Structure formats: C-alpha cells, structure tokens
Amino acid sequence: MKYTRLLTLSTLLAAPAAFAHPGHMAHSSIADGMLHPLTGFDHLTMLLGLGILISRATVNNTSIKGKLSLFAAALMSLAIGLIVGSAVGAVNGVELMIAASIFVVALGIWNAFNSRESLTKFLVTASIGLVFFHGFAHGVEATGTLSGFGVGMLISAAAIMFVGERLSHFVAGSSLANKWLSAGIAASGIALMMAP
C-alpha cells in the first residue's frame, strides 16, 4: 500500500501538466500583474485564505505592526518566487506545491479557530513560505518586463489578502466560520487538482 502512494506521488511530480494553471493571461504589464491573481483561482483562494489566517493568528495580538510584518513577509516570498521562477524556468512539482499551499492555509484557518497557538504560528510560517511557489509559477509564465508585471501582481496580492483579513472579522464568532470556512478553502484545492 505504501508503495502505491509513493508511485502516485512520483507520477504527480513527473507530470506537472496535470495541474494546469487555469485562467491565466499574458504577463507583461502592470495591468496584467494586477489581473493575474484574480483570474487564477488557485492564487485567489490561497491569498484570500492567507489573509484570513493571518488575521486569525494575530487576533490576540493588539499590535498592527505584527500583522503588517506577516503581510510584508508573504509579499516578499511572492516577489522572491517571481524572480527565481523567471530566472530558473519550469521545474517539476511546482503545481503540486501550489495545491499543497491551499491545504496548509485551510488547516491553519481550522487550527486558528480552535486556538492551538503554537501550531497556528507554524502553519502561518509554512503558508508564507509556500507563497514562494505561487510567485515562482508566475515568474516562469512571465513575458516582457518582469518589473511591471511584478509590481501589479504585488499590489493585487496585497489587496486580496486585505479582503481576506476583513472577511475574517466579518465571519468571526459565527458557527459558519469555525467549521466551514477552512473546509471551503480545502474543497477549492481539491477542485483545482481535479480540474482538467
């Protein structure tokens, strides 16, 4: 049984095209960069979820500085991934890491609502690290000037995370938030992996 799982995982890594990047367009201008996270459901889901997770993880921390530093770290991880992706090119397994990032964020949100603080901190850190792969995928796909596209993408990513942070406050305290918000994000990840 364990060999079957290993074989399945290695097949997924060897065939990155199985995880197609849906809804992406040209990558050359600031406008393209701003639209890209909105047209890629995988990136949109991850960034919204990360905004929610950061909000929930810092709910007991009254310092705005701590929350802003986590948002800044996520944007830096995205930017570094973009630069590395444009320099290195396509690598097997990136799409799998993008899918995994959605599940890590979903687990982090579930955990944050259940108040396991040390695990939540780890999952926030892991999620910020996994944002790198979203940037990497963008960098591989980028054409034309990377700087314009990158600036637009970072602006859009910051806005999406902020919407997620605000959404967290909107649903906080409801029974819906505790159980189904993270389940919805995880279901999105499953849908993305099953998409043709």
Protein backbone atom coordinates (compact mmCIF):
# COMPACT_ATOMS: atom_id res chain seq x y z
CA MET A 1 0.00 0.00 0.00
CA LYS A 2 2.77 2.47 0.87
CA TYR A 3 4.44 1.76 -2.50
CA THR A 4 1.21 2.65 -4.29
CA ARG A 5 1.16 6.04 -2.57
CA LEU A 6 4.82 6.64 -3.40
CA LEU A 7 4.21 5.72 -7.04
CA THR A 8 1.19 8.02 -7.22
CA LEU A 9 3.15 10.92 -5.72
CA SER A 10 6.11 10.40 -8.06
CA THR A 11 3.74 10.30 -11.05
CA LEU A 12 2.27 13.64 -9.99
CA LEU A 13 5.72 15.17 -9.68
CA ALA A 14 6.80 13.79 -13.04
CA ALA A 15 3.75 15.19 -14.81
CA PRO A 16 3.31 18.80 -13.70
CA ALA A 17 0.98 19.49 -16.64
CA ALA A 18 -1.66 17.51 -14.77
CA PHE A 19 -2.09 20.57 -12.57
CA ALA A 20 -2.89 23.13 -15.24
CA HIS A 21 -2.77 26.77 -14.30
CA PRO A 22 -6.31 27.88 -15.16
CA GLY A 23 -7.40 31.30 -16.31
CA HIS A 24 -4.01 32.90 -16.91
CA MET A 25 -3.33 35.54 -19.50
CA ALA A 26 -0.37 37.49 -20.86
CA HIS A 27 2.30 38.56 -18.37
CA SER A 28 3.90 41.78 -19.49
CA SER A 29 2.37 44.89 -17.88
CA ILE A 30 1.25 46.25 -14.52
CA ALA A 31 -2.38 45.68 -15.54
CA ASP A 32 -1.60 42.03 -16.39
CA GLY A 33 0.05 41.65 -12.99
CA MET A 34 -2.94 43.14 -11.20
CA LEU A 35 -5.41 40.91 -13.03
CA HIS A 36 -3.44 37.69 -12.78
CA PRO A 37 -4.18 36.74 -9.14
CA LEU A 38 -7.84 37.48 -9.81
CA THR A 39 -8.03 35.18 -12.85
CA GLY A 40 -6.11 32.26 -11.35
CA PHE A 41 -8.49 30.57 -8.90
CA ASP A 42 -5.60 28.79 -7.16
CA HIS A 43 -3.83 32.07 -6.39
CA LEU A 44 -7.04 33.85 -5.44
CA THR A 45 -8.00 31.08 -3.00
CA MET A 46 -4.54 30.97 -1.43
CA LEU A 47 -4.27 34.73 -0.98
CA LEU A 48 -7.77 35.10 0.48
CA GLY A 49 -7.09 32.19 2.81
CA LEU A 50 -3.73 33.62 3.85
CA GLY A 51 -5.38 36.95 4.70
CA ILE A 52 -7.92 35.10 6.85
CA LEU A 53 -5.21 33.00 8.50
CA ILE A 54 -3.00 35.99 9.33
CA SER A 55 -6.00 37.81 10.78
CA ARG A 56 -6.99 34.84 12.97
CA ALA A 57 -3.40 34.12 14.02
CA THR A 58 -2.90 37.69 15.23
CA VAL A 59 -6.36 38.18 16.76
CA ASN A 60 -4.93 38.26 20.31
CA ASN A 61 -2.01 40.45 19.26
CA THR A 62 -3.09 44.09 19.52
CA SER A 63 -0.02 45.26 17.59
CA ILE A 64 -0.80 46.22 14.00
CA LYS A 65 2.93 46.01 13.34
CA GLY A 66 2.92 42.22 13.85
CA LYS A 67 0.11 41.72 11.34
CA LEU A 68 1.71 44.04 8.79
CA SER A 69 5.04 42.23 9.09
CA LEU A 70 3.33 38.93 8.22
CA PHE A 71 1.65 40.51 5.18
CA ALA A 72 5.01 42.00 4.15
CA ALA A 73 6.72 38.60 4.55
CA ALA A 74 4.08 36.98 2.32
CA LEU A 75 4.56 39.64 -0.36
CA MET A 76 8.33 39.26 -0.13
CA SER A 77 8.01 35.48 -0.52
CA LEU A 78 5.83 36.05 -3.60
CA ALA A 79 8.33 38.54 -5.09
CA ILE A 80 11.33 36.27 -4.48
CA GLY A 81 9.45 33.37 -6.09
CA LEU A 82 8.66 35.56 -9.11
CA ILE A 83 12.32 36.49 -9.58
CA VAL A 84 13.58 32.92 -9.09
CA GLY A 85 10.90 31.49 -11.39
CA SER A 86 11.80 33.88 -14.20
CA ALA A 87 15.50 33.05 -13.81
CA VAL A 88 15.20 29.25 -13.41
CA GLY A 89 12.23 28.35 -15.61
CA ALA A 90 9.86 25.42 -15.29
CA VAL A 91 10.54 22.86 -12.55
CA ASN A 92 8.57 19.68 -11.80
CA GLY A 93 6.42 19.76 -8.70
CA VAL A 94 5.63 23.49 -8.52
CA GLU A 95 1.94 22.98 -9.26
CA LEU A 96 1.80 20.30 -6.57
CA MET A 97 3.29 22.76 -4.07
CA ILE A 98 0.69 25.35 -5.10
CA ALA A 99 -2.08 22.84 -4.43
CA ALA A 100 -0.44 21.89 -1.11
CA SER A 101 -0.34 25.55 -0.09
CA ILE A 102 -4.13 25.74 -0.24
CA PHE A 103 -4.44 22.77 2.11
CA VAL A 104 -1.86 24.20 4.53
CA VAL A 105 -3.76 27.51 4.65
CA ALA A 106 -7.06 25.65 5.18
CA LEU A 107 -5.53 23.63 8.03
CA GLY A 108 -4.10 26.83 9.51
CA ILE A 109 -7.51 28.53 9.47
CA TRP A 110 -9.17 25.50 11.06
CA ASN A 111 -6.48 25.42 13.71
CA ALA A 112 -6.62 29.17 14.37
CA PHE A 113 -10.33 28.97 15.11
CA ASN A 114 -9.61 26.10 17.51
CA SER A 115 -6.95 28.07 19.43
CA ARG A 116 -3.83 25.91 19.14
CA GLU A 117 -1.45 28.85 19.09
CA SER A 118 1.91 27.12 18.58
CA LEU A 119 0.66 25.04 15.65
CA THR A 120 -1.04 28.09 14.16
CA LYS A 121 2.27 30.01 14.20
CA PHE A 122 3.96 27.13 12.40
CA LEU A 123 1.18 26.94 9.77
CA VAL A 124 1.32 30.70 9.17
CA THR A 125 5.07 30.44 8.60
CA ALA A 126 4.64 27.42 6.32
CA SER A 127 1.90 29.20 4.34
CA ILE A 128 4.07 32.28 3.84
CA GLY A 129 6.88 30.01 2.65
CA LEU A 130 4.56 28.25 0.21
CA VAL A 131 3.54 31.59 -1.35
CA PHE A 132 7.00 31.40 -2.94
CA PHE A 133 5.72 28.70 -5.31
CA HIS A 134 2.84 30.90 -6.47
CA GLY A 135 5.38 33.60 -7.34
CA PHE A 136 7.64 31.01 -8.95
CA ALA A 137 4.83 29.87 -11.27
CA HIS A 138 4.15 33.49 -12.22
CA GLY A 139 7.84 34.06 -12.93
CA VAL A 140 8.02 31.05 -15.24
CA GLU A 141 4.99 32.32 -17.18
CA ALA A 142 6.07 35.98 -17.30
CA THR A 143 6.84 37.59 -20.63
CA GLY A 144 8.10 41.09 -21.35
CA THR A 145 9.09 43.31 -18.45
CA LEU A 146 9.02 41.42 -15.20
CA SER A 147 9.11 44.61 -13.11
CA GLY A 148 5.76 45.97 -14.33
CA PHE A 149 4.03 42.62 -14.03
CA GLY A 150 5.59 42.01 -10.61
CA VAL A 151 4.52 45.39 -9.21
CA GLY A 152 0.95 44.85 -10.44
CA MET A 153 0.87 41.33 -9.02
CA LEU A 154 2.10 42.50 -5.60
CA ILE A 155 -0.50 45.28 -5.49
CA SER A 156 -3.28 42.84 -6.33
CA ALA A 157 -1.96 40.19 -3.90
CA ALA A 158 -1.87 42.74 -1.06
CA ALA A 159 -5.43 43.80 -1.85
CA ILE A 160 -6.70 40.20 -1.92
CA MET A 161 -5.02 39.39 1.40
CA PHE A 162 -6.56 42.52 2.90
CA VAL A 163 -10.01 41.38 1.70
CA GLY A 164 -9.35 38.02 3.38
CA GLU A 165 -8.32 39.79 6.58
CA ARG A 166 -11.53 41.83 6.56
CA LEU A 167 -13.60 38.72 5.72
CA SER A 168 -12.16 37.05 8.82
CA HIS A 169 -13.57 39.82 11.00
CA PHE A 170 -16.93 39.61 9.25
CA VAL A 171 -17.42 35.89 9.92
CA ALA A 172 -15.63 35.68 13.28
CA GLY A 173 -17.82 34.38 16.07
CA SER A 174 -20.30 32.62 13.82
CA SER A 175 -20.63 28.85 13.76
CA LEU A 176 -20.09 29.01 9.99
CA ALA A 177 -16.60 30.43 10.49
CA ASN A 178 -15.45 27.80 12.96
CA LYS A 179 -16.08 24.76 10.80
CA TRP A 180 -16.81 25.58 7.19
CA LEU A 181 -14.50 28.41 6.16
CA SER A 182 -11.40 26.22 6.13
CA ALA A 183 -13.39 23.32 4.65
CA GLY A 184 -14.40 25.57 1.76
CA ILE A 185 -10.79 26.50 1.07
CA ALA A 186 -9.71 22.84 1.20
CA ALA A 187 -12.58 21.92 -1.16
CA SER A 188 -11.31 24.59 -3.56
CA GLY A 189 -7.91 22.91 -3.51
CA ILE A 190 -9.48 19.53 -4.31
CA ALA A 191 -11.49 21.07 -7.15
CA LEU A 192 -8.34 22.63 -8.59
CA MET A 193 -6.48 19.33 -8.55
CA MET A 194 -9.35 17.53 -10.24
CA ALA A 195 -9.84 20.20 -12.94
CA PRO A 196 -8.88 19.05 -16.45
